């Protein structure tokens, strides 16, 4: 398992559009992915899970990946979050 801490930079947080982009990207990954927000563990392969976490701008999150492609998948997810998920 690999993990990395990052910060959500989207001005409006993880609302529908960035949550959708993250869910699409995570769904293409072979690894098991978990996003930790405070005490919550979220499966980012579901847009509803992401949106229900109410992740706001500036929130620190930890992305964990485990599986055969964990390093590559972690890099993709972190890069997407740090680039603003298309916003």
PDB file of N, CA and C in Angstrom:
ATOM      1  N   UNK A   1       0.845  -1.180   0.000  1.00  0.00           N
ATOM      2  CA  UNK A   1       0.000   0.000   0.000  1.00  0.00           C
ATOM      3  C   UNK A   1       0.891   1.245   0.000  1.00  0.00           C
ATOM      4  N   UNK A   2       0.473   2.228  -0.792  1.00  0.00           N
ATOM      5  CA  UNK A   2       1.157   3.515  -0.829  1.00  0.00           C
ATOM      6  C   UNK A   2       0.129   4.596  -0.520  1.00  0.00           C
ATOM      7  N   UNK A   3       0.594   5.701   0.052  1.00  0.00           N
ATOM      8  CA  UNK A   3      -0.324   6.796   0.354  1.00  0.00           C
ATOM      9  C   UNK A   3       0.411   8.117   0.250  1.00  0.00           C
ATOM     10  N   UNK A   4      -0.378   9.179   0.064  1.00  0.00           N
ATOM     11  CA  UNK A   4       0.188  10.521  -0.023  1.00  0.00           C
ATOM     12  C   UNK A   4      -0.860  11.528   0.432  1.00  0.00           C
ATOM     13  N   UNK A   5      -0.401  12.539   1.137  1.00  0.00           N
ATOM     14  CA  UNK A   5      -1.280  13.618   1.597  1.00  0.00           C
ATOM     15  C   UNK A   5      -1.274  14.734   0.567  1.00  0.00           C
ATOM     16  N   UNK A   6      -2.429  15.343   0.340  1.00  0.00           N
ATOM     17  CA  UNK A   6      -2.535  16.465  -0.573  1.00  0.00           C
ATOM     18  C   UNK A   6      -3.636  17.390  -0.076  1.00  0.00           C
ATOM     19  N   UNK A   7      -3.794  18.515  -0.764  1.00  0.00           N
ATOM     20  CA  UNK A   7      -4.786  19.512  -0.380  1.00  0.00           C
ATOM     21  C   UNK A   7      -5.722  19.766  -1.565  1.00  0.00           C
ATOM     22  N   UNK A   8      -7.012  19.849  -1.289  1.00  0.00           N
ATOM     23  CA  UNK A   8      -8.000  20.153  -2.330  1.00  0.00           C
ATOM     24  C   UNK A   8      -7.901  21.639  -2.646  1.00  0.00           C
ATOM     25  N   UNK A   9      -7.699  21.980  -3.940  1.00  0.00           N
ATOM     26  CA  UNK A   9      -7.516  23.374  -4.324  1.00  0.00           C
ATOM     27  C   UNK A   9      -8.715  23.965  -5.053  1.00  0.00           C
ATOM     28  N   UNK A  10      -9.704  23.143  -5.370  1.00  0.00           N
ATOM     29  CA  UNK A  10     -10.869  23.657  -6.085  1.00  0.00           C
ATOM     30  C   UNK A  10     -11.573  24.702  -5.228  1.00  0.00           C
ATOM     31  N   UNK A  11     -11.815  25.912  -5.757  1.00  0.00           N
ATOM     32  CA  UNK A  11     -12.451  26.964  -4.960  1.00  0.00           C
ATOM     33  C   UNK A  11     -13.787  26.549  -4.346  1.00  0.00           C
ATOM     34  N   UNK A  12     -14.550  25.737  -5.043  1.00  0.00           N
ATOM     35  CA  UNK A  12     -15.856  25.295  -4.540  1.00  0.00           C
ATOM     36  C   UNK A  12     -15.792  23.918  -3.895  1.00  0.00           C
ATOM     37  N   UNK A  13     -14.592  23.376  -3.706  1.00  0.00           N
ATOM     38  CA  UNK A  13     -14.454  22.051  -3.118  1.00  0.00           C
ATOM     39  C   UNK A  13     -14.815  20.962  -4.116  1.00  0.00           C
ATOM     40  N   UNK A  14     -15.139  19.790  -3.608  1.00  0.00           N
ATOM     41  CA  UNK A  14     -15.461  18.641  -4.458  1.00  0.00           C
ATOM     42  C   UNK A  14     -16.960  18.603  -4.746  1.00  0.00           C
ATOM     43  N   UNK A  15     -17.421  19.550  -5.547  1.00  0.00           N
ATOM     44  CA  UNK A  15     -18.818  19.536  -5.962  1.00  0.00           C
ATOM     45  C   UNK A  15     -18.968  18.600  -7.159  1.00  0.00           C
ATOM     46  N   UNK A  16     -20.094  18.629  -7.817  1.00  0.00           N
ATOM     47  CA  UNK A  16     -20.434  17.620  -8.834  1.00  0.00           C
ATOM     48  C   UNK A  16     -19.392  17.451  -9.946  1.00  0.00           C
ATOM     49  N   UNK A  17     -18.926  18.533 -10.550  1.00  0.00           N
ATOM     50  CA  UNK A  17     -18.018  18.399 -11.692  1.00  0.00           C
ATOM     51  C   UNK A  17     -16.677  17.777 -11.297  1.00  0.00           C
ATOM     52  N   UNK A  18     -15.950  18.309 -10.311  1.00  0.00           N
ATOM     53  CA  UNK A  18     -14.684  17.650  -9.966  1.00  0.00           C
ATOM     54  C   UNK A  18     -14.871  16.258  -9.362  1.00  0.00           C
ATOM     55  N   UNK A  19     -15.958  16.054  -8.646  1.00  0.00           N
ATOM     56  CA  UNK A  19     -16.227  14.718  -8.092  1.00  0.00           C
ATOM     57  C   UNK A  19     -16.438  13.715  -9.219  1.00  0.00           C
ATOM     58  N   UNK A  20     -17.122  14.154 -10.271  1.00  0.00           N
ATOM     59  CA  UNK A  20     -17.349  13.294 -11.427  1.00  0.00           C
ATOM     60  C   UNK A  20     -16.029  12.953 -12.120  1.00  0.00           C
ATOM     61  N   UNK A  21     -15.172  13.947 -12.293  1.00  0.00           N
ATOM     62  CA  UNK A  21     -13.871  13.710 -12.934  1.00  0.00           C
ATOM     63  C   UNK A  21     -13.013  12.752 -12.111  1.00  0.00           C
ATOM     64  N   UNK A  22     -13.020  12.936 -10.788  1.00  0.00           N
ATOM     65  CA  UNK A  22     -12.242  12.062  -9.924  1.00  0.00           C
ATOM     66  C   UNK A  22     -12.788  10.634  -9.955  1.00  0.00           C
ATOM     67  N   UNK A  23     -14.105  10.483  -9.934  1.00  0.00           N
ATOM     68  CA  UNK A  23     -14.718   9.155  -9.971  1.00  0.00           C
ATOM     69  C   UNK A  23     -14.399   8.445 -11.284  1.00  0.00           C
ATOM     70  N   UNK A  24     -14.421   9.177 -12.409  1.00  0.00           N
ATOM     71  CA  UNK A  24     -14.079   8.582 -13.706  1.00  0.00           C
ATOM     72  C   UNK A  24     -12.637   8.081 -13.711  1.00  0.00           C
ATOM     73  N   UNK A  25     -11.732   8.918 -13.209  1.00  0.00           N
ATOM     74  CA  UNK A  25     -10.321   8.551 -13.180  1.00  0.00           C
ATOM     75  C   UNK A  25     -10.096   7.360 -12.254  1.00  0.00           C
ATOM     76  N   UNK A  26     -10.667   7.407 -11.063  1.00  0.00           N
ATOM     77  CA  UNK A  26     -10.481   6.327 -10.086  1.00  0.00           C
ATOM     78  C   UNK A  26     -11.050   5.008 -10.597  1.00  0.00           C
ATOM     79  N   UNK A  27     -12.151   5.074 -11.330  1.00  0.00           N
ATOM     80  CA  UNK A  27     -12.781   3.858 -11.861  1.00  0.00           C
ATOM     81  C   UNK A  27     -11.902   3.152 -12.887  1.00  0.00           C
ATOM     82  N   UNK A  28     -11.034   3.907 -13.548  1.00  0.00           N
ATOM     83  CA  UNK A  28     -10.133   3.320 -14.537  1.00  0.00           C
ATOM     84  C   UNK A  28      -8.912   2.663 -13.893  1.00  0.00           C
ATOM     85  N   UNK A  29      -8.685   2.944 -12.616  1.00  0.00           N
ATOM     86  CA  UNK A  29      -7.528   2.398 -11.905  1.00  0.00           C
ATOM     87  C   UNK A  29      -7.831   0.984 -11.414  1.00  0.00           C
ATOM     88  N   UNK A  30      -6.830   0.131 -11.448  1.00  0.00           N
ATOM     89  CA  UNK A  30      -6.995  -1.253 -10.998  1.00  0.00           C
ATOM     90  C   UNK A  30      -6.843  -1.391  -9.485  1.00  0.00           C
ATOM     91  N   UNK A  31      -6.175  -0.454  -8.853  1.00  0.00           N
ATOM     92  CA  UNK A  31      -5.929  -0.519  -7.415  1.00  0.00           C
ATOM     93  C   UNK A  31      -7.198  -0.276  -6.614  1.00  0.00           C
ATOM     94  N   UNK A  32      -7.170  -0.732  -5.359  1.00  0.00           N
ATOM     95  CA  UNK A  32      -8.185  -0.332  -4.392  1.00  0.00           C
ATOM     96  C   UNK A  32      -7.754   1.037  -3.888  1.00  0.00           C
ATOM     97  N   UNK A  33      -8.639   2.016  -3.990  1.00  0.00           N
ATOM     98  CA  UNK A  33      -8.300   3.393  -3.633  1.00  0.00           C
ATOM     99  C   UNK A  33      -9.210   3.849  -2.504  1.00  0.00           C
ATOM    100  N   UNK A  34      -8.615   4.517  -1.533  1.00  0.00           N
ATOM    101  CA  UNK A  34      -9.359   5.102  -0.428  1.00  0.00           C
ATOM    102  C   UNK A  34      -8.885   6.530  -0.237  1.00  0.00           C
ATOM    103  N   UNK A  35      -9.833   7.431  -0.028  1.00  0.00           N
ATOM    104  CA  UNK A  35      -9.487   8.802   0.333  1.00  0.00           C
ATOM    105  C   UNK A  35      -9.910   9.001   1.777  1.00  0.00           C
ATOM    106  N   UNK A  36      -8.960   9.454   2.591  1.00  0.00           N
ATOM    107  CA  UNK A  36      -9.242   9.703   4.002  1.00  0.00           C
ATOM    108  C   UNK A  36      -9.416  11.198   4.212  1.00  0.00           C
ATOM    109  N   UNK A  37     -10.585  11.549   4.755  1.00  0.00           N
ATOM    110  CA  UNK A  37     -10.903  12.937   5.068  1.00  0.00           C
ATOM    111  C   UNK A  37     -11.299  12.965   6.540  1.00  0.00           C
ATOM    112  N   UNK A  38     -10.400  13.438   7.378  1.00  0.00           N
ATOM    113  CA  UNK A  38     -10.673  13.388   8.810  1.00  0.00           C
ATOM    114  C   UNK A  38     -10.855  11.942   9.246  1.00  0.00           C
ATOM    115  N   UNK A  39     -12.014  11.634   9.806  1.00  0.00           N
ATOM    116  CA  UNK A  39     -12.314  10.271  10.269  1.00  0.00           C
ATOM    117  C   UNK A  39     -12.973   9.411   9.188  1.00  0.00           C
ATOM    118  N   UNK A  40     -13.318  10.020   8.055  1.00  0.00           N
ATOM    119  CA  UNK A  40     -14.047   9.310   6.999  1.00  0.00           C
ATOM    120  C   UNK A  40     -13.088   8.631   6.030  1.00  0.00           C
ATOM    121  N   UNK A  41     -13.462   7.440   5.578  1.00  0.00           N
ATOM    122  CA  UNK A  41     -12.777   6.726   4.502  1.00  0.00           C
ATOM    123  C   UNK A  41     -13.742   6.651   3.332  1.00  0.00           C
ATOM    124  N   UNK A  42     -13.318   7.166   2.186  1.00  0.00           N
ATOM    125  CA  UNK A  42     -14.200   7.284   1.026  1.00  0.00           C
ATOM    126  C   UNK A  42     -13.664   6.458  -0.126  1.00  0.00           C
ATOM    127  N   UNK A  43     -14.559   5.761  -0.822  1.00  0.00           N
ATOM    128  CA  UNK A  43     -14.213   5.079  -2.055  1.00  0.00           C
ATOM    129  C   UNK A  43     -14.444   6.080  -3.193  1.00  0.00           C
ATOM    130  N   UNK A  44     -13.369   6.580  -3.827  1.00  0.00           N
ATOM    131  CA  UNK A  44     -13.532   7.612  -4.854  1.00  0.00           C
ATOM    132  C   UNK A  44     -14.023   7.095  -6.200  1.00  0.00           C
ATOM    133  N   UNK A  45     -14.331   5.806  -6.288  1.00  0.00           N
ATOM    134  CA  UNK A  45     -14.860   5.275  -7.544  1.00  0.00           C
ATOM    135  C   UNK A  45     -16.355   5.563  -7.661  1.00  0.00           C
ATOM    136  N   UNK A  46     -16.931   6.197  -6.632  1.00  0.00           N
ATOM    137  CA  UNK A  46     -18.348   6.567  -6.625  1.00  0.00           C
ATOM    138  C   UNK A  46     -18.489   8.067  -6.430  1.00  0.00           C
ATOM    139  N   UNK A  47     -19.114   8.735  -7.380  1.00  0.00           N
ATOM    140  CA  UNK A  47     -19.319  10.180  -7.284  1.00  0.00           C
ATOM    141  C   UNK A  47     -20.145  10.534  -6.046  1.00  0.00           C
ATOM    142  N   UNK A  48     -21.105   9.691  -5.690  1.00  0.00           N
ATOM    143  CA  UNK A  48     -21.939   9.977  -4.520  1.00  0.00           C
ATOM    144  C   UNK A  48     -21.130   9.922  -3.231  1.00  0.00           C
ATOM    145  N   UNK A  49     -20.203   8.977  -3.130  1.00  0.00           N
ATOM    146  CA  UNK A  49     -19.340   8.907  -1.950  1.00  0.00           C
ATOM    147  C   UNK A  49     -18.500  10.176  -1.815  1.00  0.00           C
ATOM    148  N   UNK A  50     -17.968  10.652  -2.934  1.00  0.00           N
ATOM    149  CA  UNK A  50     -17.126  11.853  -2.906  1.00  0.00           C
ATOM    150  C   UNK A  50     -17.957  13.066  -2.490  1.00  0.00           C
ATOM    151  N   UNK A  51     -19.103  13.230  -3.116  1.00  0.00           N
ATOM    152  CA  UNK A  51     -19.933  14.397  -2.818  1.00  0.00           C
ATOM    153  C   UNK A  51     -20.477  14.363  -1.389  1.00  0.00           C
ATOM    154  N   UNK A  52     -20.811  13.188  -0.888  1.00  0.00           N
ATOM    155  CA  UNK A  52     -21.366  13.091   0.468  1.00  0.00           C
ATOM    156  C   UNK A  52     -20.335  13.422   1.538  1.00  0.00           C
ATOM    157  N   UNK A  53     -19.051  13.381   1.190  1.00  0.00           N
ATOM    158  CA  UNK A  53     -18.002  13.717   2.155  1.00  0.00           C
ATOM    159  C   UNK A  53     -17.881  15.226   2.363  1.00  0.00           C
ATOM    160  N   UNK A  54     -18.493  16.031   1.480  1.00  0.00           N
ATOM    161  CA  UNK A  54     -18.488  17.502   1.587  1.00  0.00           C
ATOM    162  C   UNK A  54     -17.066  18.041   1.769  1.00  0.00           C
ATOM    163  N   UNK A  55     -16.181  17.685   0.843  1.00  0.00           N
ATOM    164  CA  UNK A  55     -14.784  18.105   0.918  1.00  0.00           C
ATOM    165  C   UNK A  55     -14.676  19.531   0.390  1.00  0.00           C
ATOM    166  N   UNK A  56     -14.195  20.421   1.215  1.00  0.00           N
ATOM    167  CA  UNK A  56     -14.110  21.847   0.869  1.00  0.00           C
ATOM    168  C   UNK A  56     -12.710  22.236   0.410  1.00  0.00           C
ATOM    169  N   UNK A  57     -12.623  23.406  -0.187  1.00  0.00           N
ATOM    170  CA  UNK A  57     -11.337  23.947  -0.609  1.00  0.00           C
ATOM    171  C   UNK A  57     -10.414  24.079   0.602  1.00  0.00           C
ATOM    172  N   UNK A  58      -9.169  23.666   0.427  1.00  0.00           N
ATOM    173  CA  UNK A  58      -8.190  23.763   1.495  1.00  0.00           C
ATOM    174  C   UNK A  58      -8.142  22.558   2.419  1.00  0.00           C
ATOM    175  N   UNK A  59      -9.037  21.593   2.210  1.00  0.00           N
ATOM    176  CA  UNK A  59      -9.069  20.400   3.052  1.00  0.00           C
ATOM    177  C   UNK A  59      -7.887  19.491   2.728  1.00  0.00           C
ATOM    178  N   UNK A  60      -7.192  19.042   3.764  1.00  0.00           N
ATOM    179  CA  UNK A  60      -6.124  18.055   3.590  1.00  0.00           C
ATOM    180  C   UNK A  60      -6.753  16.669   3.527  1.00  0.00           C
ATOM    181  N   UNK A  61      -6.340  15.902   2.531  1.00  0.00           N
ATOM    182  CA  UNK A  61      -6.831  14.532   2.379  1.00  0.00           C
ATOM    183  C   UNK A  61      -5.638  13.603   2.190  1.00  0.00           C
ATOM    184  N   UNK A  62      -5.848  12.327   2.469  1.00  0.00           N
ATOM    185  CA  UNK A  62      -4.821  11.308   2.234  1.00  0.00           C
ATOM    186  C   UNK A  62      -5.398  10.315   1.231  1.00  0.00           C
ATOM    187  N   UNK A  63      -4.653  10.083   0.163  1.00  0.00           N
ATOM    188  CA  UNK A  63      -5.052   9.110  -0.856  1.00  0.00           C
ATOM    189  C   UNK A  63      -4.219   7.855  -0.640  1.00  0.00           C
ATOM    190  N   UNK A  64      -4.897   6.708  -0.503  1.00  0.00           N
ATOM    191  CA  UNK A  64      -4.216   5.422  -0.335  1.00  0.00           C
ATOM    192  C   UNK A  64      -4.575   4.509  -1.499  1.00  0.00           C
ATOM    193  N   UNK A  65      -3.582   3.823  -2.024  1.00  0.00           N
ATOM    194  CA  UNK A  65      -3.803   2.850  -3.100  1.00  0.00           C
ATOM    195  C   UNK A  65      -3.115   1.544  -2.727  1.00  0.00           C
ATOM    196  N   UNK A  66      -3.790   0.436  -3.019  1.00  0.00           N
ATOM    197  CA  UNK A  66      -3.150  -0.867  -2.832  1.00  0.00           C
ATOM    198  C   UNK A  66      -3.549  -1.769  -3.988  1.00  0.00           C
ATOM    199  N   UNK A  67      -2.557  -2.434  -4.524  1.00  0.00           N
ATOM    200  CA  UNK A  67      -2.767  -3.314  -5.664  1.00  0.00           C
ATOM    201  C   UNK A  67      -1.525  -3.332  -6.535  1.00  0.00           C
ATOM    202  N   UNK A  68      -1.593  -4.054  -7.625  1.00  0.00           N
ATOM    203  CA  UNK A  68      -0.427  -4.216  -8.494  1.00  0.00           C
ATOM    204  C   UNK A  68       0.036  -2.913  -9.131  1.00  0.00           C
ATOM    205  N   UNK A  69      -0.898  -1.992  -9.404  1.00  0.00           N
ATOM    206  CA  UNK A  69      -0.542  -0.733 -10.058  1.00  0.00           C
ATOM    207  C   UNK A  69      -0.665   0.446  -9.089  1.00  0.00           C
ATOM    208  N   UNK A  70      -0.449   0.182  -7.800  1.00  0.00           N
ATOM    209  CA  UNK A  70      -0.698   1.197  -6.771  1.00  0.00           C
ATOM    210  C   UNK A  70       0.124   2.474  -6.956  1.00  0.00           C
ATOM    211  N   UNK A  71       1.390   2.363  -7.311  1.00  0.00           N
ATOM    212  CA  UNK A  71       2.228   3.560  -7.454  1.00  0.00           C
ATOM    213  C   UNK A  71       1.757   4.432  -8.610  1.00  0.00           C
ATOM    214  N   UNK A  72       1.456   3.809  -9.739  1.00  0.00           N
ATOM    215  CA  UNK A  72       0.992   4.555 -10.900  1.00  0.00           C
ATOM    216  C   UNK A  72      -0.376   5.188 -10.627  1.00  0.00           C
ATOM    217  N   UNK A  73      -1.250   4.429 -10.001  1.00  0.00           N
ATOM    218  CA  UNK A  73      -2.593   4.934  -9.707  1.00  0.00           C
ATOM    219  C   UNK A  73      -2.544   6.088  -8.713  1.00  0.00           C
ATOM    220  N   UNK A  74      -1.699   5.980  -7.703  1.00  0.00           N
ATOM    221  CA  UNK A  74      -1.561   7.063  -6.730  1.00  0.00           C
ATOM    222  C   UNK A  74      -1.071   8.328  -7.424  1.00  0.00           C
ATOM    223  N   UNK A  75      -0.079   8.193  -8.293  1.00  0.00           N
ATOM    224  CA  UNK A  75       0.452   9.356  -9.011  1.00  0.00           C
ATOM    225  C   UNK A  75      -0.628  10.021  -9.857  1.00  0.00           C
ATOM    226  N   UNK A  76      -1.453   9.227 -10.543  1.00  0.00           N
ATOM    227  CA  UNK A  76      -2.538   9.775 -11.379  1.00  0.00           C
ATOM    228  C   UNK A  76      -3.557  10.534 -10.540  1.00  0.00           C
ATOM    229  N   UNK A  77      -3.976   9.933  -9.432  1.00  0.00           N
ATOM    230  CA  UNK A  77      -5.003  10.553  -8.581  1.00  0.00           C
ATOM    231  C   UNK A  77      -4.473  11.842  -7.953  1.00  0.00           C
ATOM    232  N   UNK A  78      -3.258  11.815  -7.422  1.00  0.00           N
ATOM    233  CA  UNK A  78      -2.672  13.003  -6.796  1.00  0.00           C
ATOM    234  C   UNK A  78      -2.512  14.116  -7.824  1.00  0.00           C
ATOM    235  N   UNK A  79      -2.011  13.790  -9.005  1.00  0.00           N
ATOM    236  CA  UNK A  79      -1.823  14.793 -10.061  1.00  0.00           C
ATOM    237  C   UNK A  79      -3.157  15.435 -10.433  1.00  0.00           C
ATOM    238  N   UNK A  80      -4.193  14.632 -10.553  1.00  0.00           N
ATOM    239  CA  UNK A  80      -5.514  15.159 -10.907  1.00  0.00           C
ATOM    240  C   UNK A  80      -6.054  16.099  -9.834  1.00  0.00           C
ATOM    241  N   UNK A  81      -5.939  15.700  -8.578  1.00  0.00           N
ATOM    242  CA  UNK A  81      -6.443  16.530  -7.477  1.00  0.00           C
ATOM    243  C   UNK A  81      -5.660  17.833  -7.393  1.00  0.00           C
ATOM    244  N   UNK A  82      -4.347  17.756  -7.508  1.00  0.00           N
ATOM    245  CA  UNK A  82      -3.508  18.949  -7.404  1.00  0.00           C
ATOM    246  C   UNK A  82      -3.634  19.867  -8.607  1.00  0.00           C
ATOM    247  N   UNK A  83      -4.139  19.361  -9.727  1.00  0.00           N
ATOM    248  CA  UNK A  83      -4.337  20.202 -10.913  1.00  0.00           C
ATOM    249  C   UNK A  83      -5.740  20.818 -10.926  1.00  0.00           C
ATOM    250  N   UNK A  84      -6.575  20.491  -9.952  1.00  0.00           N
ATOM    251  CA  UNK A  84      -7.900  21.090  -9.863  1.00  0.00           C
ATOM    252  C   UNK A  84      -9.000  20.308 -10.543  1.00  0.00           C
ATOM    253  N   UNK A  85      -8.717  19.110 -11.041  1.00  0.00           N
ATOM    254  CA  UNK A  85      -9.722  18.244 -11.667  1.00  0.00           C
ATOM    255  C   UNK A  85     -10.498  18.947 -12.773  1.00  0.00           C
ATOM    256  N   UNK A  86      -9.765  19.662 -13.623  1.00  0.00           N
ATOM    257  CA  UNK A  86     -10.395  20.275 -14.791  1.00  0.00           C
ATOM    258  C   UNK A  86     -11.052  21.611 -14.555  1.00  0.00           C
ATOM    259  N   UNK A  87     -10.865  22.184 -13.395  1.00  0.00           N
ATOM    260  CA  UNK A  87     -11.472  23.514 -13.138  1.00  0.00           C
ATOM    261  C   UNK A  87     -10.427  24.589 -13.224  1.00  0.00           C
TER     262      UNK A  87
END
